Amino acid sequence: MAKITKSIYRILFISQGKLYELYARSIYQGELYGFIEVEELLFGERSSVLVNPAEERLQSEFTDVRRTFIPLHYILRIDEVEREGVSKIRPVESGDNVMPFPQPVLPPGGGPGKN
């Protein structure tokens, strides 16, 4: 008999100058144009012995969030992984102090209302 497993995804994206690494069971391009919908966020098992402040900060930031919408142009990578890792926030490792300006989702001249 085949074993039924649900996929786990690792999502890397930039938000407010920091690199976020989240794990989730469900991701898809939904009805909101230019955004990826992420549902069923996964956080590590709670242990009274080992405390991970970075993961606790992420968990408190996403408390009561059923679904989050991440702008497509902020996502760096999405991987399907075998098991959940540790969610974390870390500084963007870059040699320069310049943050790239967000690019428009629509191509130039191709916006709504154009004929």
N, C-alpha and C. Protein backbone atom coordinates (compact mmCIF):
# COMPACT_ATOMS: atom_id res chain seq x y z
N MET A 1 0.84 -1.17 0.00
CA MET A 1 0.00 0.00 0.00
C MET A 1 0.89 1.24 0.00
N ALA A 2 0.56 2.21 -0.80
CA ALA A 2 1.36 3.43 -0.92
C ALA A 2 1.17 4.32 0.30
N LYS A 3 2.26 4.90 0.72
CA LYS A 3 2.22 5.82 1.87
C LYS A 3 1.79 7.20 1.38
N ILE A 4 0.80 7.78 2.03
CA ILE A 4 0.30 9.10 1.65
C ILE A 4 0.99 10.14 2.53
N THR A 5 1.73 11.03 1.89
CA THR A 5 2.39 12.11 2.63
C THR A 5 2.02 13.44 2.00
N LYS A 6 1.97 14.44 2.81
CA LYS A 6 1.69 15.78 2.33
C LYS A 6 3.02 16.50 2.12
N SER A 7 3.13 17.23 1.05
CA SER A 7 4.36 17.94 0.74
C SER A 7 4.65 19.03 1.76
N ILE A 8 5.94 19.30 1.93
CA ILE A 8 6.39 20.41 2.77
C ILE A 8 7.23 21.31 1.88
N TYR A 9 6.98 22.61 1.95
CA TYR A 9 7.70 23.58 1.14
C TYR A 9 8.50 24.54 2.01
N ARG A 10 9.71 24.85 1.55
CA ARG A 10 10.54 25.87 2.20
C ARG A 10 10.47 27.11 1.31
N ILE A 11 10.05 28.23 1.88
CA ILE A 11 9.91 29.48 1.14
C ILE A 11 10.93 30.48 1.65
N LEU A 12 11.77 31.01 0.76
CA LEU A 12 12.73 32.04 1.09
C LEU A 12 12.27 33.33 0.43
N PHE A 13 12.09 34.38 1.23
CA PHE A 13 11.68 35.66 0.67
C PHE A 13 12.25 36.79 1.50
N ILE A 14 12.28 37.97 0.89
CA ILE A 14 12.81 39.15 1.57
C ILE A 14 11.63 40.02 2.00
N SER A 15 11.70 40.47 3.25
CA SER A 15 10.69 41.38 3.78
C SER A 15 11.37 42.34 4.74
N GLN A 16 11.19 43.61 4.52
CA GLN A 16 11.74 44.67 5.36
C GLN A 16 13.25 44.53 5.57
N GLY A 17 13.95 44.18 4.49
CA GLY A 17 15.40 44.08 4.52
C GLY A 17 15.95 42.85 5.21
N LYS A 18 15.09 41.87 5.49
CA LYS A 18 15.54 40.64 6.13
C LYS A 18 15.13 39.44 5.28
N LEU A 19 15.91 38.37 5.38
CA LEU A 19 15.62 37.13 4.67
C LEU A 19 14.81 36.22 5.58
N TYR A 20 13.60 35.88 5.15
CA TYR A 20 12.72 34.99 5.91
C TYR A 20 12.80 33.60 5.31
N GLU A 21 12.84 32.60 6.15
CA GLU A 21 12.78 31.20 5.73
C GLU A 21 11.62 30.56 6.49
N LEU A 22 10.58 30.20 5.76
CA LEU A 22 9.38 29.62 6.34
C LEU A 22 9.12 28.24 5.75
N TYR A 23 8.42 27.41 6.50
CA TYR A 23 8.01 26.10 6.03
C TYR A 23 6.49 26.05 6.06
N ALA A 24 5.90 25.47 5.01
CA ALA A 24 4.44 25.42 4.91
C ALA A 24 4.02 24.16 4.17
N ARG A 25 2.78 23.79 4.36
CA ARG A 25 2.24 22.61 3.67
C ARG A 25 1.55 22.96 2.36
N SER A 26 1.15 24.21 2.18
CA SER A 26 0.37 24.56 1.00
C SER A 26 0.81 25.92 0.45
N ILE A 27 1.18 25.95 -0.83
CA ILE A 27 1.48 27.21 -1.51
C ILE A 27 0.84 27.16 -2.89
N TYR A 28 0.37 28.31 -3.34
CA TYR A 28 -0.20 28.37 -4.68
C TYR A 28 -0.37 29.82 -5.10
N GLN A 29 -0.52 30.00 -6.40
CA GLN A 29 -0.82 31.33 -6.93
C GLN A 29 -2.33 31.46 -6.90
N GLY A 30 -2.81 32.36 -6.10
CA GLY A 30 -4.25 32.48 -5.90
C GLY A 30 -4.87 33.56 -6.76
N GLU A 31 -5.98 34.08 -6.28
CA GLU A 31 -6.76 35.06 -7.02
C GLU A 31 -6.15 36.46 -6.96
N LEU A 32 -5.32 36.73 -5.97
CA LEU A 32 -4.72 38.04 -5.81
C LEU A 32 -3.49 38.12 -6.73
N TYR A 33 -3.60 38.85 -7.82
CA TYR A 33 -2.57 38.89 -8.86
C TYR A 33 -1.23 39.39 -8.31
N GLY A 34 -0.16 38.66 -8.62
CA GLY A 34 1.18 39.06 -8.23
C GLY A 34 1.59 38.60 -6.84
N PHE A 35 0.78 37.75 -6.22
CA PHE A 35 1.08 37.26 -4.88
C PHE A 35 1.03 35.73 -4.86
N ILE A 36 1.86 35.13 -4.02
CA ILE A 36 1.80 33.70 -3.76
C ILE A 36 1.12 33.53 -2.40
N GLU A 37 0.15 32.64 -2.34
CA GLU A 37 -0.56 32.37 -1.10
C GLU A 37 0.13 31.22 -0.38
N VAL A 38 0.40 31.41 0.89
CA VAL A 38 1.06 30.40 1.71
C VAL A 38 0.13 30.07 2.88
N GLU A 39 -0.21 28.79 3.01
CA GLU A 39 -1.10 28.33 4.07
C GLU A 39 -0.44 27.23 4.89
N GLU A 40 -0.97 26.99 6.06
CA GLU A 40 -0.52 25.93 6.96
C GLU A 40 0.97 26.06 7.27
N LEU A 41 1.33 27.21 7.85
CA LEU A 41 2.72 27.43 8.25
C LEU A 41 3.13 26.41 9.30
N LEU A 42 4.36 25.92 9.20
CA LEU A 42 4.87 24.91 10.12
C LEU A 42 5.97 25.49 10.98
N PHE A 43 5.89 25.23 12.26
CA PHE A 43 6.93 25.62 13.21
C PHE A 43 7.31 24.38 13.99
N GLY A 44 8.58 24.32 14.43
CA GLY A 44 9.10 23.14 15.11
C GLY A 44 8.33 22.76 16.36
N GLU A 45 8.55 21.53 16.76
CA GLU A 45 7.94 21.03 17.99
C GLU A 45 8.42 21.84 19.18
N ARG A 46 7.56 22.09 20.11
CA ARG A 46 7.91 22.82 21.33
C ARG A 46 8.63 21.89 22.28
N SER A 47 9.75 22.33 22.78
CA SER A 47 10.51 21.58 23.76
C SER A 47 10.81 22.50 24.93
N SER A 48 10.66 21.99 26.14
CA SER A 48 10.93 22.83 27.30
C SER A 48 12.43 22.98 27.54
N VAL A 49 13.24 22.12 26.92
CA VAL A 49 14.69 22.17 27.12
C VAL A 49 15.35 23.11 26.14
N LEU A 50 14.98 23.00 24.87
CA LEU A 50 15.63 23.78 23.82
C LEU A 50 14.71 24.91 23.36
N VAL A 51 15.20 26.13 23.39
CA VAL A 51 14.42 27.30 22.97
C VAL A 51 15.16 27.97 21.83
N ASN A 52 14.44 28.22 20.73
CA ASN A 52 15.02 28.89 19.58
C ASN A 52 14.36 30.27 19.47
N PRO A 53 15.07 31.34 19.87
CA PRO A 53 14.45 32.67 19.87
C PRO A 53 14.03 33.15 18.48
N ALA A 54 14.80 32.79 17.44
CA ALA A 54 14.45 33.24 16.08
C ALA A 54 13.13 32.61 15.63
N GLU A 55 12.97 31.33 15.91
CA GLU A 55 11.73 30.66 15.51
C GLU A 55 10.55 31.14 16.35
N GLU A 56 10.80 31.40 17.62
CA GLU A 56 9.73 31.93 18.48
C GLU A 56 9.27 33.30 18.00
N ARG A 57 10.22 34.12 17.54
CA ARG A 57 9.87 35.45 17.01
C ARG A 57 8.99 35.31 15.76
N LEU A 58 9.37 34.38 14.88
CA LEU A 58 8.57 34.14 13.69
C LEU A 58 7.19 33.62 14.05
N GLN A 59 7.14 32.69 14.98
CA GLN A 59 5.86 32.12 15.37
C GLN A 59 4.95 33.19 15.98
N SER A 60 5.52 34.09 16.78
CA SER A 60 4.69 35.15 17.35
C SER A 60 4.25 36.15 16.27
N GLU A 61 5.11 36.38 15.27
CA GLU A 61 4.75 37.29 14.18
C GLU A 61 3.59 36.72 13.36
N PHE A 62 3.55 35.40 13.20
CA PHE A 62 2.52 34.77 12.38
C PHE A 62 1.43 34.09 13.22
N THR A 63 1.29 34.48 14.48
CA THR A 63 0.22 33.95 15.33
C THR A 63 -1.13 34.35 14.73
N ASP A 64 -2.05 33.42 14.69
CA ASP A 64 -3.41 33.64 14.19
C ASP A 64 -3.46 33.93 12.69
N VAL A 65 -2.38 33.68 11.95
CA VAL A 65 -2.38 33.86 10.50
C VAL A 65 -2.78 32.54 9.85
N ARG A 66 -3.91 32.55 9.16
CA ARG A 66 -4.35 31.34 8.46
C ARG A 66 -3.68 31.25 7.10
N ARG A 67 -3.49 32.41 6.47
CA ARG A 67 -2.91 32.44 5.13
C ARG A 67 -2.17 33.75 4.99
N THR A 68 -0.99 33.70 4.37
CA THR A 68 -0.24 34.93 4.12
C THR A 68 0.00 35.07 2.63
N PHE A 69 0.03 36.30 2.16
CA PHE A 69 0.24 36.60 0.75
C PHE A 69 1.60 37.27 0.62
N ILE A 70 2.49 36.67 -0.16
CA ILE A 70 3.85 37.19 -0.33
C ILE A 70 3.97 37.71 -1.76
N PRO A 71 4.42 38.96 -1.93
CA PRO A 71 4.58 39.49 -3.29
C PRO A 71 5.55 38.61 -4.10
N LEU A 72 5.16 38.32 -5.31
CA LEU A 72 5.93 37.43 -6.18
C LEU A 72 7.37 37.90 -6.38
N HIS A 73 7.58 39.21 -6.49
CA HIS A 73 8.92 39.72 -6.76
C HIS A 73 9.81 39.76 -5.52
N TYR A 74 9.30 39.38 -4.34
CA TYR A 74 10.13 39.29 -3.13
C TYR A 74 10.56 37.86 -2.84
N ILE A 75 9.97 36.90 -3.54
CA ILE A 75 10.31 35.49 -3.31
C ILE A 75 11.61 35.17 -4.03
N LEU A 76 12.55 34.60 -3.29
CA LEU A 76 13.82 34.19 -3.86
C LEU A 76 13.78 32.76 -4.33
N ARG A 77 13.10 31.90 -3.56
CA ARG A 77 13.15 30.49 -3.87
C ARG A 77 12.04 29.75 -3.12
N ILE A 78 11.51 28.70 -3.77
CA ILE A 78 10.56 27.79 -3.14
C ILE A 78 11.05 26.38 -3.42
N ASP A 79 11.27 25.60 -2.36
CA ASP A 79 11.74 24.22 -2.50
C ASP A 79 10.73 23.27 -1.87
N GLU A 80 10.53 22.12 -2.50
CA GLU A 80 9.78 21.05 -1.86
C GLU A 80 10.80 20.19 -1.12
N VAL A 81 10.62 20.03 0.18
CA VAL A 81 11.61 19.33 1.00
C VAL A 81 10.98 18.09 1.65
N GLU A 82 11.85 17.20 2.11
CA GLU A 82 11.37 15.96 2.73
C GLU A 82 10.84 16.17 4.13
N ARG A 83 11.51 17.07 4.89
CA ARG A 83 11.06 17.31 6.26
C ARG A 83 11.24 18.79 6.61
N GLU A 84 10.52 19.17 7.60
CA GLU A 84 10.53 20.56 8.06
C GLU A 84 11.85 20.89 8.73
N GLY A 85 12.35 22.08 8.47
CA GLY A 85 13.55 22.58 9.13
C GLY A 85 13.18 23.66 10.13
N VAL A 86 14.17 24.43 10.51
CA VAL A 86 13.95 25.51 11.47
C VAL A 86 13.64 26.80 10.71
N SER A 87 12.50 27.38 10.99
CA SER A 87 12.14 28.66 10.39
C SER A 87 13.01 29.74 11.03
N LYS A 88 13.43 30.73 10.23
CA LYS A 88 14.30 31.77 10.78
C LYS A 88 14.21 33.06 9.99
N ILE A 89 14.67 34.11 10.63
CA ILE A 89 14.84 35.42 10.01
C ILE A 89 16.31 35.75 10.16
N ARG A 90 16.93 36.19 9.07
CA ARG A 90 18.34 36.58 9.15
C ARG A 90 18.58 37.77 8.25
N PRO A 91 19.66 38.50 8.50
CA PRO A 91 19.95 39.65 7.64
C PRO A 91 20.30 39.18 6.23
N VAL A 92 19.97 40.00 5.26
CA VAL A 92 20.31 39.68 3.87
C VAL A 92 21.81 39.82 3.73
N GLU A 93 22.46 38.75 3.27
CA GLU A 93 23.91 38.79 3.11
C GLU A 93 24.23 39.42 1.76
N SER A 94 24.74 40.62 1.84
CA SER A 94 25.05 41.36 0.63
C SER A 94 26.27 42.21 0.89
N GLY A 95 27.07 42.42 -0.13
CA GLY A 95 28.27 43.22 0.03
C GLY A 95 28.02 44.70 -0.08
N ASP A 96 26.83 45.10 -0.50
CA ASP A 96 26.58 46.54 -0.67
C ASP A 96 25.42 46.98 0.21
N ASN A 97 25.26 48.28 0.31
CA ASN A 97 24.20 48.85 1.14
C ASN A 97 22.98 49.24 0.33
N VAL A 98 22.94 48.89 -0.94
CA VAL A 98 21.86 49.30 -1.82
C VAL A 98 20.81 48.20 -1.87
N MET A 99 19.56 48.57 -1.57
CA MET A 99 18.44 47.64 -1.66
C MET A 99 17.81 47.81 -3.04
N PRO A 100 17.60 46.71 -3.79
CA PRO A 100 17.01 46.87 -5.12
C PRO A 100 15.60 47.44 -5.03
N PHE A 101 15.28 48.34 -5.95
CA PHE A 101 13.96 48.94 -6.00
C PHE A 101 12.98 47.89 -6.51
N PRO A 102 11.82 47.73 -5.87
CA PRO A 102 10.86 46.72 -6.33
C PRO A 102 10.42 46.98 -7.76
N GLN A 103 10.41 45.92 -8.54
CA GLN A 103 10.00 46.01 -9.94
C GLN A 103 8.49 45.87 -10.05
N PRO A 104 7.88 46.56 -11.02
CA PRO A 104 6.43 46.41 -11.19
C PRO A 104 6.08 45.01 -11.66
N VAL A 105 4.93 44.52 -11.24
CA VAL A 105 4.48 43.20 -11.64
C VAL A 105 4.01 43.21 -13.09
N LEU A 106 3.38 44.31 -13.50
CA LEU A 106 2.91 44.42 -14.88
C LEU A 106 4.01 44.95 -15.77
N PRO A 107 4.10 44.47 -17.00
CA PRO A 107 5.10 45.02 -17.90
C PRO A 107 4.80 46.48 -18.25
N PRO A 108 5.82 47.29 -18.55
CA PRO A 108 5.57 48.69 -18.90
C PRO A 108 4.59 48.81 -20.06
N GLY A 109 3.61 49.67 -19.89
CA GLY A 109 2.62 49.91 -20.94
C GLY A 109 1.56 48.82 -21.02
N GLY A 110 1.61 47.81 -20.17
CA GLY A 110 0.66 46.72 -20.24
C GLY A 110 -0.32 46.68 -19.09
N GLY A 111 -0.47 47.81 -18.41
CA GLY A 111 -1.33 47.87 -17.24
C GLY A 111 -2.79 47.83 -17.60
N PRO A 112 -3.65 47.72 -16.60
CA PRO A 112 -5.08 47.71 -16.85
C PRO A 112 -5.55 49.03 -17.48
N GLY A 113 -6.53 48.92 -18.32
CA GLY A 113 -7.10 50.10 -18.94
C GLY A 113 -6.39 50.52 -20.22
N LYS A 114 -5.30 49.85 -20.55
CA LYS A 114 -4.57 50.16 -21.78
C LYS A 114 -5.15 49.37 -22.92
N ASN A 115 -5.27 49.97 -24.07
CA ASN A 115 -5.80 49.29 -25.27
C ASN A 115 -4.72 49.04 -26.26
